[in-house]
PDB file of N, CA and C in Angstrom:
ATOM      1  N   MET A   1       0.849  -1.172   0.000  1.00  0.00           N
ATOM      2  CA  MET A   1       0.000   0.000   0.000  1.00  0.00           C
ATOM      3  C   MET A   1       0.891   1.230   0.000  1.00  0.00           C
ATOM      4  N   ILE A   2       0.520   2.157  -0.830  1.00  0.00           N
ATOM      5  CA  ILE A   2       1.213   3.439  -0.845  1.00  0.00           C
ATOM      6  C   ILE A   2       0.491   4.395   0.088  1.00  0.00           C
ATOM      7  N   ASP A   3      -0.840   4.436  -0.021  1.00  0.00           N
ATOM      8  CA  ASP A   3      -1.662   5.232   0.893  1.00  0.00           C
ATOM      9  C   ASP A   3      -2.098   4.333   2.040  1.00  0.00           C
ATOM     10  N   GLY A   4      -2.027   4.842   3.247  1.00  0.00           N
ATOM     11  CA  GLY A   4      -2.530   4.092   4.380  1.00  0.00           C
ATOM     12  C   GLY A   4      -4.052   4.166   4.427  1.00  0.00           C
ATOM     13  N   VAL A   5      -4.678   3.121   4.922  1.00  0.00           N
ATOM     14  CA  VAL A   5      -6.122   3.099   5.119  1.00  0.00           C
ATOM     15  C   VAL A   5      -6.359   2.719   6.562  1.00  0.00           C
ATOM     16  N   ASP A   6      -7.131   3.546   7.275  1.00  0.00           N
ATOM     17  CA  ASP A   6      -7.338   3.374   8.706  1.00  0.00           C
ATOM     18  C   ASP A   6      -8.820   3.530   9.017  1.00  0.00           C
ATOM     19  N   SER A   7      -9.391   2.565   9.738  1.00  0.00           N
ATOM     20  CA  SER A   7     -10.826   2.594  10.036  1.00  0.00           C
ATOM     21  C   SER A   7     -11.229   3.805  10.873  1.00  0.00           C
ATOM     22  N   SER A   8     -10.287   4.396  11.614  1.00  0.00           N
ATOM     23  CA  SER A   8     -10.629   5.553  12.435  1.00  0.00           C
ATOM     24  C   SER A   8     -10.501   6.872  11.669  1.00  0.00           C
ATOM     25  N   LYS A   9      -9.880   6.841  10.467  1.00  0.00           N
ATOM     26  CA  LYS A   9      -9.654   8.075   9.715  1.00  0.00           C
ATOM     27  C   LYS A   9     -10.348   8.085   8.364  1.00  0.00           C
ATOM     28  N   ASN A  10     -10.451   6.917   7.720  1.00  0.00           N
ATOM     29  CA  ASN A  10     -11.013   6.853   6.381  1.00  0.00           C
ATOM     30  C   ASN A  10     -12.488   6.481   6.416  1.00  0.00           C
ATOM     31  N   HIS A  11     -13.166   6.815   5.332  1.00  0.00           N
ATOM     32  CA  HIS A  11     -14.605   6.570   5.220  1.00  0.00           C
ATOM     33  C   HIS A  11     -14.891   5.726   3.987  1.00  0.00           C
ATOM     34  N   VAL A  12     -16.022   5.030   4.012  1.00  0.00           N
ATOM     35  CA  VAL A  12     -16.435   4.228   2.870  1.00  0.00           C
ATOM     36  C   VAL A  12     -16.446   5.112   1.624  1.00  0.00           C
ATOM     37  N   GLY A  13     -15.867   4.611   0.550  1.00  0.00           N
ATOM     38  CA  GLY A  13     -15.788   5.357  -0.701  1.00  0.00           C
ATOM     39  C   GLY A  13     -14.454   6.046  -0.915  1.00  0.00           C
ATOM     40  N   ASP A  14     -13.647   6.202   0.143  1.00  0.00           N
ATOM     41  CA  ASP A  14     -12.332   6.827  -0.009  1.00  0.00           C
ATOM     42  C   ASP A  14     -11.477   5.998  -0.958  1.00  0.00           C
ATOM     43  N   VAL A  15     -10.719   6.691  -1.801  1.00  0.00           N
ATOM     44  CA  VAL A  15      -9.842   6.045  -2.786  1.00  0.00           C
ATOM     45  C   VAL A  15      -8.448   5.887  -2.193  1.00  0.00           C
ATOM     46  N   PHE A  16      -7.802   4.763  -2.490  1.00  0.00           N
ATOM     47  CA  PHE A  16      -6.424   4.567  -2.054  1.00  0.00           C
ATOM     48  C   PHE A  16      -5.559   4.184  -3.251  1.00  0.00           C
ATOM     49  N   HIS A  17      -4.268   4.399  -3.115  1.00  0.00           N
ATOM     50  CA  HIS A  17      -3.268   4.119  -4.142  1.00  0.00           C
ATOM     51  C   HIS A  17      -2.349   3.035  -3.599  1.00  0.00           C
ATOM     52  N   ALA A  18      -2.077   2.041  -4.418  1.00  0.00           N
ATOM     53  CA  ALA A  18      -1.188   0.951  -4.024  1.00  0.00           C
ATOM     54  C   ALA A  18      -0.370   0.532  -5.244  1.00  0.00           C
ATOM     55  N   SER A  19       0.447  -0.487  -5.083  1.00  0.00           N
ATOM     56  CA  SER A  19       1.206  -1.018  -6.220  1.00  0.00           C
ATOM     57  C   SER A  19       1.244  -2.543  -6.119  1.00  0.00           C
ATOM     58  N   LEU A  20       1.422  -3.188  -7.260  1.00  0.00           N
ATOM     59  CA  LEU A  20       1.478  -4.639  -7.285  1.00  0.00           C
ATOM     60  C   LEU A  20       2.732  -5.136  -6.580  1.00  0.00           C
ATOM     61  N   GLU A  21       2.591  -6.154  -5.753  1.00  0.00           N
ATOM     62  CA  GLU A  21       3.735  -6.752  -5.067  1.00  0.00           C
ATOM     63  C   GLU A  21       4.457  -7.759  -5.945  1.00  0.00           C
ATOM     64  N   THR A  22       3.752  -8.319  -6.919  1.00  0.00           N
ATOM     65  CA  THR A  22       4.335  -9.292  -7.846  1.00  0.00           C
ATOM     66  C   THR A  22       3.805  -9.009  -9.243  1.00  0.00           C
ATOM     67  N   ASP A  23       4.433  -9.601 -10.249  1.00  0.00           N
ATOM     68  CA  ASP A  23       3.927  -9.477 -11.612  1.00  0.00           C
ATOM     69  C   ASP A  23       2.520 -10.058 -11.688  1.00  0.00           C
ATOM     70  N   LEU A  24       1.670  -9.443 -12.506  1.00  0.00           N
ATOM     71  CA  LEU A  24       0.313  -9.936 -12.753  1.00  0.00           C
ATOM     72  C   LEU A  24       0.338 -10.674 -14.080  1.00  0.00           C
ATOM     73  N   THR A  25       0.000 -11.961 -14.044  1.00  0.00           N
ATOM     74  CA  THR A  25       0.053 -12.768 -15.248  1.00  0.00           C
ATOM     75  C   THR A  25      -1.322 -13.311 -15.608  1.00  0.00           C
ATOM     76  N   VAL A  26      -1.520 -13.508 -16.899  1.00  0.00           N
ATOM     77  CA  VAL A  26      -2.690 -14.190 -17.426  1.00  0.00           C
ATOM     78  C   VAL A  26      -2.135 -15.301 -18.305  1.00  0.00           C
ATOM     79  N   GLY A  27      -2.352 -16.539 -17.886  1.00  0.00           N
ATOM     80  CA  GLY A  27      -1.707 -17.661 -18.576  1.00  0.00           C
ATOM     81  C   GLY A  27      -0.210 -17.543 -18.406  1.00  0.00           C
ATOM     82  N   ASP A  28       0.509 -17.524 -19.509  1.00  0.00           N
ATOM     83  CA  ASP A  28       1.973 -17.392 -19.471  1.00  0.00           C
ATOM     84  C   ASP A  28       2.441 -15.967 -19.746  1.00  0.00           C
ATOM     85  N   SER A  29       1.511 -15.040 -19.927  1.00  0.00           N
ATOM     86  CA  SER A  29       1.871 -13.659 -20.288  1.00  0.00           C
ATOM     87  C   SER A  29       1.812 -12.732 -19.080  1.00  0.00           C
ATOM     88  N   VAL A  30       2.837 -11.909 -18.932  1.00  0.00           N
ATOM     89  CA  VAL A  30       2.848 -10.877 -17.888  1.00  0.00           C
ATOM     90  C   VAL A  30       2.088  -9.674 -18.435  1.00  0.00           C
ATOM     91  N   VAL A  31       0.989  -9.285 -17.761  1.00  0.00           N
ATOM     92  CA  VAL A  31       0.195  -8.136 -18.222  1.00  0.00           C
ATOM     93  C   VAL A  31       0.507  -6.862 -17.445  1.00  0.00           C
ATOM     94  N   ALA A  32       1.073  -7.010 -16.240  1.00  0.00           N
ATOM     95  CA  ALA A  32       1.489  -5.844 -15.446  1.00  0.00           C
ATOM     96  C   ALA A  32       2.649  -6.269 -14.556  1.00  0.00           C
ATOM     97  N   ARG A  33       3.667  -5.449 -14.525  1.00  0.00           N
ATOM     98  CA  ARG A  33       4.876  -5.752 -13.751  1.00  0.00           C
ATOM     99  C   ARG A  33       4.720  -5.367 -12.276  1.00  0.00           C
ATOM    100  N   LYS A  34       5.511  -6.028 -11.463  1.00  0.00           N
ATOM    101  CA  LYS A  34       5.623  -5.661 -10.047  1.00  0.00           C
ATOM    102  C   LYS A  34       5.860  -4.158  -9.968  1.00  0.00           C
ATOM    103  N   GLY A  35       5.169  -3.472  -9.047  1.00  0.00           N
ATOM    104  CA  GLY A  35       5.328  -2.030  -8.880  1.00  0.00           C
ATOM    105  C   GLY A  35       4.320  -1.205  -9.666  1.00  0.00           C
ATOM    106  N   THR A  36       3.525  -1.854 -10.529  1.00  0.00           N
ATOM    107  CA  THR A  36       2.500  -1.142 -11.301  1.00  0.00           C
ATOM    108  C   THR A  36       1.493  -0.498 -10.348  1.00  0.00           C
ATOM    109  N   ASP A  37       1.084   0.736 -10.665  1.00  0.00           N
ATOM    110  CA  ASP A  37       0.109   1.451  -9.834  1.00  0.00           C
ATOM    111  C   ASP A  37      -1.278   0.835  -9.958  1.00  0.00           C
ATOM    112  N   VAL A  38      -1.924   0.647  -8.812  1.00  0.00           N
ATOM    113  CA  VAL A  38      -3.320   0.214  -8.766  1.00  0.00           C
ATOM    114  C   VAL A  38      -4.062   1.141  -7.816  1.00  0.00           C
ATOM    115  N   TYR A  39      -5.353   1.278  -8.043  1.00  0.00           N
ATOM    116  CA  TYR A  39      -6.191   2.133  -7.209  1.00  0.00           C
ATOM    117  C   TYR A  39      -7.410   1.344  -6.779  1.00  0.00           C
ATOM    118  N   GLY A  40      -7.927   1.709  -5.655  1.00  0.00           N
ATOM    119  CA  GLY A  40      -9.108   1.037  -5.138  1.00  0.00           C
ATOM    120  C   GLY A  40      -9.896   1.968  -4.254  1.00  0.00           C
ATOM    121  N   ARG A  41     -10.898   1.396  -3.620  1.00  0.00           N
ATOM    122  CA  ARG A  41     -11.716   2.194  -2.707  1.00  0.00           C
ATOM    123  C   ARG A  41     -12.013   1.380  -1.459  1.00  0.00           C
ATOM    124  N   LEU A  42     -12.292   2.097  -0.400  1.00  0.00           N
ATOM    125  CA  LEU A  42     -12.688   1.478   0.856  1.00  0.00           C
ATOM    126  C   LEU A  42     -14.167   1.130   0.737  1.00  0.00           C
ATOM    127  N   ALA A  43     -14.484  -0.165   0.722  1.00  0.00           N
ATOM    128  CA  ALA A  43     -15.857  -0.622   0.531  1.00  0.00           C
ATOM    129  C   ALA A  43     -16.634  -0.634   1.839  1.00  0.00           C
ATOM    130  N   GLU A  44     -15.941  -0.935   2.947  1.00  0.00           N
ATOM    131  CA  GLU A  44     -16.600  -0.968   4.251  1.00  0.00           C
ATOM    132  C   GLU A  44     -15.561  -0.762   5.331  1.00  0.00           C
ATOM    133  N   ALA A  45     -15.932  -0.067   6.404  1.00  0.00           N
ATOM    134  CA  ALA A  45     -15.020   0.157   7.530  1.00  0.00           C
ATOM    135  C   ALA A  45     -15.781   0.041   8.829  1.00  0.00           C
ATOM    136  N   LYS A  46     -15.203  -0.700   9.763  1.00  0.00           N
ATOM    137  CA  LYS A  46     -15.804  -0.846  11.081  1.00  0.00           C
ATOM    138  C   LYS A  46     -14.699  -0.623  12.105  1.00  0.00           C
ATOM    139  N   GLU A  47     -14.904   0.364  12.963  1.00  0.00           N
ATOM    140  CA  GLU A  47     -13.919   0.634  14.020  1.00  0.00           C
ATOM    141  C   GLU A  47     -14.064  -0.368  15.147  1.00  0.00           C
ATOM    142  N   ALA A  48     -12.982  -0.597  15.859  1.00  0.00           N
ATOM    143  CA  ALA A  48     -13.033  -1.446  17.045  1.00  0.00           C
ATOM    144  C   ALA A  48     -13.869  -0.750  18.103  1.00  0.00           C
ATOM    145  N   GLY A  49     -14.576  -1.542  18.903  1.00  0.00           N
ATOM    146  CA  GLY A  49     -15.367  -0.983  19.994  1.00  0.00           C
ATOM    147  C   GLY A  49     -14.471  -0.441  21.088  1.00  0.00           C
ATOM    148  N   HIS A  50     -15.039   0.362  21.976  1.00  0.00           N
ATOM    149  CA  HIS A  50     -14.222   0.947  23.047  1.00  0.00           C
ATOM    150  C   HIS A  50     -13.807  -0.088  24.084  1.00  0.00           C
ATOM    151  N   MET A  51     -14.642  -1.081  24.309  1.00  0.00           N
ATOM    152  CA  MET A  51     -14.318  -2.090  25.318  1.00  0.00           C
ATOM    153  C   MET A  51     -13.802  -3.390  24.697  1.00  0.00           C
ATOM    154  N   ALA A  52     -14.307  -3.751  23.544  1.00  0.00           N
ATOM    155  CA  ALA A  52     -13.905  -5.009  22.920  1.00  0.00           C
ATOM    156  C   ALA A  52     -14.187  -4.942  21.432  1.00  0.00           C
ATOM    157  N   GLY A  53     -13.732  -5.951  20.722  1.00  0.00           N
ATOM    158  CA  GLY A  53     -13.972  -6.001  19.286  1.00  0.00           C
ATOM    159  C   GLY A  53     -12.708  -5.648  18.522  1.00  0.00           C
ATOM    160  N   SER A  54     -12.789  -5.775  17.210  1.00  0.00           N
ATOM    161  CA  SER A  54     -11.640  -5.448  16.374  1.00  0.00           C
ATOM    162  C   SER A  54     -12.107  -4.661  15.164  1.00  0.00           C
ATOM    163  N   SER A  55     -11.202  -3.883  14.604  1.00  0.00           N
ATOM    164  CA  SER A  55     -11.536  -3.107  13.420  1.00  0.00           C
ATOM    165  C   SER A  55     -11.536  -4.036  12.204  1.00  0.00           C
ATOM    166  N   GLU A  56     -12.299  -3.635  11.175  1.00  0.00           N
ATOM    167  CA  GLU A  56     -12.363  -4.423   9.965  1.00  0.00           C
ATOM    168  C   GLU A  56     -12.483  -3.496   8.770  1.00  0.00           C
ATOM    169  N   LEU A  57     -11.693  -3.759   7.738  1.00  0.00           N
ATOM    170  CA  LEU A  57     -11.723  -2.980   6.506  1.00  0.00           C
ATOM    171  C   LEU A  57     -11.971  -3.914   5.337  1.00  0.00           C
ATOM    172  N   GLN A  58     -12.827  -3.491   4.410  1.00  0.00           N
ATOM    173  CA  GLN A  58     -13.010  -4.228   3.164  1.00  0.00           C
ATOM    174  C   GLN A  58     -12.571  -3.307   2.043  1.00  0.00           C
ATOM    175  N   LEU A  59     -11.593  -3.760   1.271  1.00  0.00           N
ATOM    176  CA  LEU A  59     -11.029  -2.979   0.176  1.00  0.00           C
ATOM    177  C   LEU A  59     -11.376  -3.641  -1.144  1.00  0.00           C
ATOM    178  N   GLU A  60     -11.567  -2.838  -2.185  1.00  0.00           N
ATOM    179  CA  GLU A  60     -11.760  -3.396  -3.518  1.00  0.00           C
ATOM    180  C   GLU A  60     -10.947  -2.597  -4.520  1.00  0.00           C
ATOM    181  N   LEU A  61     -10.338  -3.295  -5.464  1.00  0.00           N
ATOM    182  CA  LEU A  61      -9.562  -2.636  -6.516  1.00  0.00           C
ATOM    183  C   LEU A  61     -10.524  -2.107  -7.576  1.00  0.00           C
ATOM    184  N   THR A  62     -10.191  -0.934  -8.138  1.00  0.00           N
ATOM    185  CA  THR A  62     -11.068  -0.327  -9.144  1.00  0.00           C
ATOM    186  C   THR A  62     -10.375  -0.080 -10.474  1.00  0.00           C
ATOM    187  N   ARG A  63      -9.040   0.127 -10.451  1.00  0.00           N
ATOM    188  CA  ARG A  63      -8.337   0.365 -11.715  1.00  0.00           C
ATOM    189  C   ARG A  63      -6.850   0.099 -11.562  1.00  0.00           C
ATOM    190  N   VAL A  64      -6.220  -0.187 -12.702  1.00  0.00           N
ATOM    191  CA  VAL A  64      -4.777  -0.407 -12.767  1.00  0.00           C
ATOM    192  C   VAL A  64      -4.251   0.465 -13.901  1.00  0.00           C
ATOM    193  N   VAL A  65      -3.056   1.006 -13.732  1.00  0.00           N
ATOM    194  CA  VAL A  65      -2.458   1.872 -14.752  1.00  0.00           C
ATOM    195  C   VAL A  65      -1.271   1.128 -15.366  1.00  0.00           C
ATOM    196  N   ILE A  66      -1.406   0.783 -16.648  1.00  0.00           N
ATOM    197  CA  ILE A  66      -0.364   0.052 -17.367  1.00  0.00           C
ATOM    198  C   ILE A  66       0.104   0.905 -18.534  1.00  0.00           C
ATOM    199  N   ASP A  67       1.392   1.215 -18.562  1.00  0.00           N
ATOM    200  CA  ASP A  67       1.978   2.059 -19.615  1.00  0.00           C
ATOM    201  C   ASP A  67       1.209   3.372 -19.777  1.00  0.00           C
ATOM    202  N   GLY A  68       0.823   3.972 -18.649  1.00  0.00           N
ATOM    203  CA  GLY A  68       0.146   5.261 -18.664  1.00  0.00           C
ATOM    204  C   GLY A  68      -1.333   5.221 -19.010  1.00  0.00           C
ATOM    205  N   LYS A  69      -1.894   4.038 -19.226  1.00  0.00           N
ATOM    206  CA  LYS A  69      -3.307   3.922 -19.583  1.00  0.00           C
ATOM    207  C   LYS A  69      -4.085   3.249 -18.456  1.00  0.00           C
ATOM    208  N   ASP A  70      -5.244   3.845 -18.119  1.00  0.00           N
ATOM    209  CA  ASP A  70      -6.107   3.291 -17.073  1.00  0.00           C
ATOM    210  C   ASP A  70      -6.938   2.132 -17.605  1.00  0.00           C
ATOM    211  N   TYR A  71      -7.006   1.069 -16.803  1.00  0.00           N
ATOM    212  CA  TYR A  71      -7.860  -0.072 -17.108  1.00  0.00           C
ATOM    213  C   TYR A  71      -8.750  -0.337 -15.904  1.00  0.00           C
ATOM    214  N   PRO A  72     -10.057  -0.396 -16.104  1.00  0.00           N
ATOM    215  CA  PRO A  72     -10.943  -0.695 -14.976  1.00  0.00           C
ATOM    216  C   PRO A  72     -10.726  -2.125 -14.489  1.00  0.00           C
ATOM    217  N   VAL A  73     -10.880  -2.312 -13.194  1.00  0.00           N
ATOM    218  CA  VAL A  73     -10.719  -3.624 -12.574  1.00  0.00           C
ATOM    219  C   VAL A  73     -11.976  -3.924 -11.778  1.00  0.00           C
ATOM    220  N   VAL A  74     -12.434  -5.140 -11.874  1.00  0.00           N
ATOM    221  CA  VAL A  74     -13.530  -5.609 -11.023  1.00  0.00           C
ATOM    222  C   VAL A  74     -12.931  -6.683 -10.135  1.00  0.00           C
ATOM    223  N   SER A  75     -12.974  -6.456  -8.842  1.00  0.00           N
ATOM    224  CA  SER A  75     -12.375  -7.415  -7.913  1.00  0.00           C
ATOM    225  C   SER A  75     -13.357  -7.751  -6.806  1.00  0.00           C
ATOM    226  N   SER A  76     -13.118  -8.863  -6.166  1.00  0.00           N
ATOM    227  CA  SER A  76     -13.883  -9.169  -4.970  1.00  0.00           C
ATOM    228  C   SER A  76     -13.287  -8.352  -3.833  1.00  0.00           C
ATOM    229  N   ASP A  77     -14.045  -8.183  -2.765  1.00  0.00           N
ATOM    230  CA  ASP A  77     -13.558  -7.433  -1.613  1.00  0.00           C
ATOM    231  C   ASP A  77     -12.440  -8.195  -0.915  1.00  0.00           C
ATOM    232  N   TYR A  78     -11.478  -7.445  -0.414  1.00  0.00           N
ATOM    233  CA  TYR A  78     -10.390  -7.990   0.378  1.00  0.00           C
ATOM    234  C   TYR A  78     -10.604  -7.477   1.793  1.00  0.00           C
ATOM    235  N   THR A  79     -10.756  -8.371   2.747  1.00  0.00           N
ATOM    236  CA  THR A  79     -11.066  -7.981   4.120  1.00  0.00           C
ATOM    237  C   THR A  79      -9.833  -8.087   5.001  1.00  0.00           C
ATOM    238  N   LEU A  80      -9.571  -7.020   5.749  1.00  0.00           N
ATOM    239  CA  LEU A  80      -8.483  -6.983   6.728  1.00  0.00           C
ATOM    240  C   LEU A  80      -9.107  -6.799   8.101  1.00  0.00           C
ATOM    241  N   GLN A  81      -8.659  -7.573   9.068  1.00  0.00           N
ATOM    242  CA  GLN A  81      -9.184  -7.441  10.414  1.00  0.00           C
ATOM    243  C   GLN A  81      -8.047  -7.095  11.351  1.00  0.00           C
ATOM    244  N   GLY A  82      -8.258  -6.054  12.151  1.00  0.00           N
ATOM    245  CA  GLY A  82      -7.240  -5.612  13.098  1.00  0.00           C
ATOM    246  C   GLY A  82      -7.245  -6.454  14.358  1.00  0.00           C
ATOM    247  N   LYS A  83      -6.289  -6.196  15.214  1.00  0.00           N
ATOM    248  CA  LYS A  83      -6.222  -6.897  16.494  1.00  0.00           C
ATOM    249  C   LYS A  83      -7.390  -6.462  17.358  1.00  0.00           C
ATOM    250  N   GLY A  84      -7.963  -7.400  18.080  1.00  0.00           N
ATOM    251  CA  GLY A  84      -9.077  -7.094  18.973  1.00  0.00           C
ATOM    252  C   GLY A  84      -8.597  -6.410  20.227  1.00  0.00           C
ATOM    253  N   ARG A  85      -9.491  -5.677  20.807  1.00  0.00           N
ATOM    254  CA  ARG A  85      -9.174  -5.049  22.088  1.00  0.00           C
ATOM    255  C   ARG A  85      -9.596  -6.001  23.185  1.00  0.00           C
ATOM    256  N   ALA A  86      -8.708  -6.265  24.095  1.00  0.00           N
ATOM    257  CA  ALA A  86      -9.015  -7.169  25.205  1.00  0.00           C
ATOM    258  C   ALA A  86      -9.831  -6.431  26.249  1.00  0.00           C
ATOM    259  N   ARG A  87     -10.763  -7.131  26.807  1.00  0.00           N
ATOM    260  CA  ARG A  87     -11.561  -6.554  27.876  1.00  0.00           C
ATOM    261  C   ARG A  87     -10.757  -6.563  29.166  1.00  0.00           C
ATOM    262  N   THR A  88     -10.738  -5.460  29.832  1.00  0.00           N
ATOM    263  CA  THR A  88     -10.030  -5.373  31.104  1.00  0.00           C
ATOM    264  C   THR A  88     -11.037  -5.578  32.217  1.00  0.00           C
ATOM    265  N   PRO A  89     -10.815  -6.557  33.103  1.00  0.00           N
ATOM    266  CA  PRO A  89     -11.767  -6.791  34.187  1.00  0.00           C
ATOM    267  C   PRO A  89     -11.818  -5.590  35.136  1.00  0.00           C
ATOM    268  N   LEU A  90     -13.004  -5.296  35.611  1.00  0.00           N
ATOM    269  CA  LEU A  90     -13.163  -4.205  36.583  1.00  0.00           C
ATOM    270  C   LEU A  90     -12.626  -4.657  37.941  1.00  0.00           C
ATOM    271  N   ARG A  91     -11.960  -3.740  38.621  1.00  0.00           N
ATOM    272  CA  ARG A  91     -11.444  -4.046  39.962  1.00  0.00           C
ATOM    273  C   ARG A  91     -12.357  -3.457  40.993  1.00  0.00           C
ATOM    274  N   LYS A  92     -12.526  -4.179  42.084  1.00  0.00           N
ATOM    275  CA  LYS A  92     -13.381  -3.670  43.174  1.00  0.00           C
ATOM    276  C   LYS A  92     -12.523  -3.081  44.255  1.00  0.00           C
TER     277      LYS A  92
END
């Protein structure tokens, strides 16, 4: 990821910029090299609760830029889940 995405700062619909970690291939042909720019949007965001729970982000890719030309992308959502907050027992 080039742009950070954070459930406490970003909103559904926000666009992010990233790059491919590996070459993108179709069959035996490389269609986009490692480092190619890709863009997506935040599809869903859920912040962790104050006492318990974990944050969750759903990201989807929307376009890739190959040799300066934009190509639309249709992808399934990619879900990231943050660490949960542990409940602290009340002391008497």
